Amino acid sequence: MDGHGSHLTYEFCSYALSHNIYLICLPAHSTHLLQPLDVGLFGPLQHYYGKAADNHLRETRTGITKGTFWSFFTEARAKAFTKQTIQASFHSTGIFPLNPD
């Protein structure tokens, strides 16, 4: 979370607490550097999805349908969202383990 007031409501925090979801508020004007999902997960997700879509287009010369989208996305998510890449995302931003520099 970026600490914006509209994102940090009582209802949202209460929901997170009751579902054992840990919230992390990042310093203002620094999320482009510190968002672990943007830094380490969505880039690889985009890469794997794009690769699958490109291969499909080359092999079939047909467009992407809802069915092919979900199969490509599911496969790309499985490749990109691994325990290793999630941990590396937090490590590369210096959030965990904490790197104050």
Protein backbone atom coordinates (compact mmCIF):
# COMPACT_ATOMS: atom_id res chain seq x y z
CA MET A 1 0.00 0.00 0.00
CA ASP A 2 1.18 3.51 -0.69
CA GLY A 3 -0.36 5.11 2.39
CA HIS A 4 -2.98 7.06 0.43
CA GLY A 5 -5.91 7.85 2.70
CA SER A 6 -8.53 6.45 0.34
CA HIS A 7 -6.77 3.08 0.38
CA LEU A 8 -6.43 2.89 4.13
CA THR A 9 -9.95 2.69 5.52
CA TYR A 10 -11.18 1.10 8.73
CA GLU A 11 -13.22 -1.44 6.77
CA PHE A 12 -10.24 -2.45 4.65
CA CYS A 13 -7.91 -2.78 7.64
CA SER A 14 -10.56 -4.69 9.62
CA TYR A 15 -11.06 -7.12 6.73
CA ALA A 16 -7.33 -7.68 6.39
CA LEU A 17 -6.92 -8.26 10.13
CA SER A 18 -9.80 -10.72 10.31
CA HIS A 19 -8.37 -12.70 7.36
CA ASN A 20 -4.74 -12.75 8.58
CA ILE A 21 -3.61 -10.46 5.77
CA TYR A 22 -0.57 -8.38 6.63
CA LEU A 23 -0.63 -4.86 5.25
CA ILE A 24 2.56 -3.06 4.35
CA CYS A 25 2.44 0.71 3.92
CA LEU A 26 5.27 2.04 1.78
CA PRO A 27 6.67 5.56 2.12
CA ALA A 28 4.97 8.18 -0.02
CA HIS A 29 6.48 8.87 -3.46
CA SER A 30 8.62 5.74 -3.33
CA THR A 31 6.30 3.01 -4.53
CA HIS A 32 7.85 2.95 -8.01
CA LEU A 33 11.03 1.74 -6.32
CA LEU A 34 9.61 -0.37 -3.55
CA GLN A 35 6.57 -2.21 -4.84
CA PRO A 36 7.76 -5.79 -4.76
CA LEU A 37 5.04 -7.07 -7.08
CA ASP A 38 5.83 -4.52 -9.77
CA VAL A 39 9.57 -5.01 -9.41
CA GLY A 40 9.74 -8.79 -9.43
CA LEU A 41 6.46 -10.43 -10.39
CA PHE A 42 4.41 -8.53 -12.96
CA GLY A 43 7.37 -8.14 -15.32
CA PRO A 44 7.95 -11.90 -15.51
CA LEU A 45 4.17 -12.47 -15.73
CA GLN A 46 4.01 -10.14 -18.73
CA HIS A 47 7.03 -11.87 -20.30
CA TYR A 48 5.62 -15.41 -20.00
CA TYR A 49 2.14 -14.39 -21.14
CA GLY A 50 3.54 -12.48 -24.12
CA LYS A 51 5.69 -15.43 -25.10
CA ALA A 52 2.71 -17.82 -25.01
CA ALA A 53 0.52 -15.38 -26.96
CA ASP A 54 3.21 -14.80 -29.59
CA ASN A 55 3.72 -18.55 -30.03
CA HIS A 56 -0.03 -19.06 -30.38
CA LEU A 57 -0.34 -16.34 -32.99
CA ARG A 58 2.60 -17.71 -34.99
CA GLU A 59 1.38 -21.32 -34.86
CA THR A 60 -2.36 -20.81 -35.41
CA ARG A 61 -2.61 -17.41 -37.08
CA THR A 62 -5.74 -16.83 -34.98
CA GLY A 63 -6.48 -14.29 -32.29
CA ILE A 64 -6.62 -14.64 -28.55
CA THR A 65 -9.99 -15.78 -27.20
CA LYS A 66 -11.19 -15.86 -23.60
CA GLY A 67 -10.28 -19.52 -23.41
CA THR A 68 -6.76 -19.08 -24.75
CA PHE A 69 -6.25 -15.97 -22.63
CA TRP A 70 -6.98 -17.84 -19.41
CA SER A 71 -4.86 -20.84 -20.34
CA PHE A 72 -1.92 -18.57 -21.23
CA PHE A 73 -2.42 -16.44 -18.12
CA THR A 74 -2.67 -19.47 -15.81
CA GLU A 75 0.51 -20.95 -17.24
CA ALA A 76 2.35 -17.61 -17.08
CA ARG A 77 1.22 -17.04 -13.47
CA ALA A 78 2.48 -20.49 -12.44
CA LYS A 79 5.89 -19.73 -13.96
CA ALA A 80 6.16 -16.17 -12.60
CA PHE A 81 4.59 -16.46 -9.14
CA THR A 82 6.83 -18.96 -7.41
CA LYS A 83 8.00 -18.88 -3.82
CA GLN A 84 11.48 -18.03 -5.09
CA THR A 85 10.38 -15.07 -7.26
CA ILE A 86 8.11 -13.69 -4.54
CA GLN A 87 10.93 -13.79 -2.00
CA ALA A 88 13.37 -12.35 -4.53
CA SER A 89 10.92 -9.48 -5.21
CA PHE A 90 10.93 -8.43 -1.57
CA HIS A 91 14.70 -8.89 -1.38
CA SER A 92 15.40 -6.85 -4.54
CA THR A 93 13.47 -3.87 -3.17
CA GLY A 94 15.32 -4.02 0.15
CA ILE A 95 12.08 -4.48 2.08
CA PHE A 96 12.99 -7.91 3.49
CA PRO A 97 15.42 -8.41 4.89
CA LEU A 98 15.38 -4.71 5.67
CA ASN A 99 17.94 -2.67 3.80
CA PRO A 100 17.63 0.97 4.95
CA ASP A 101 19.86 2.12 2.06
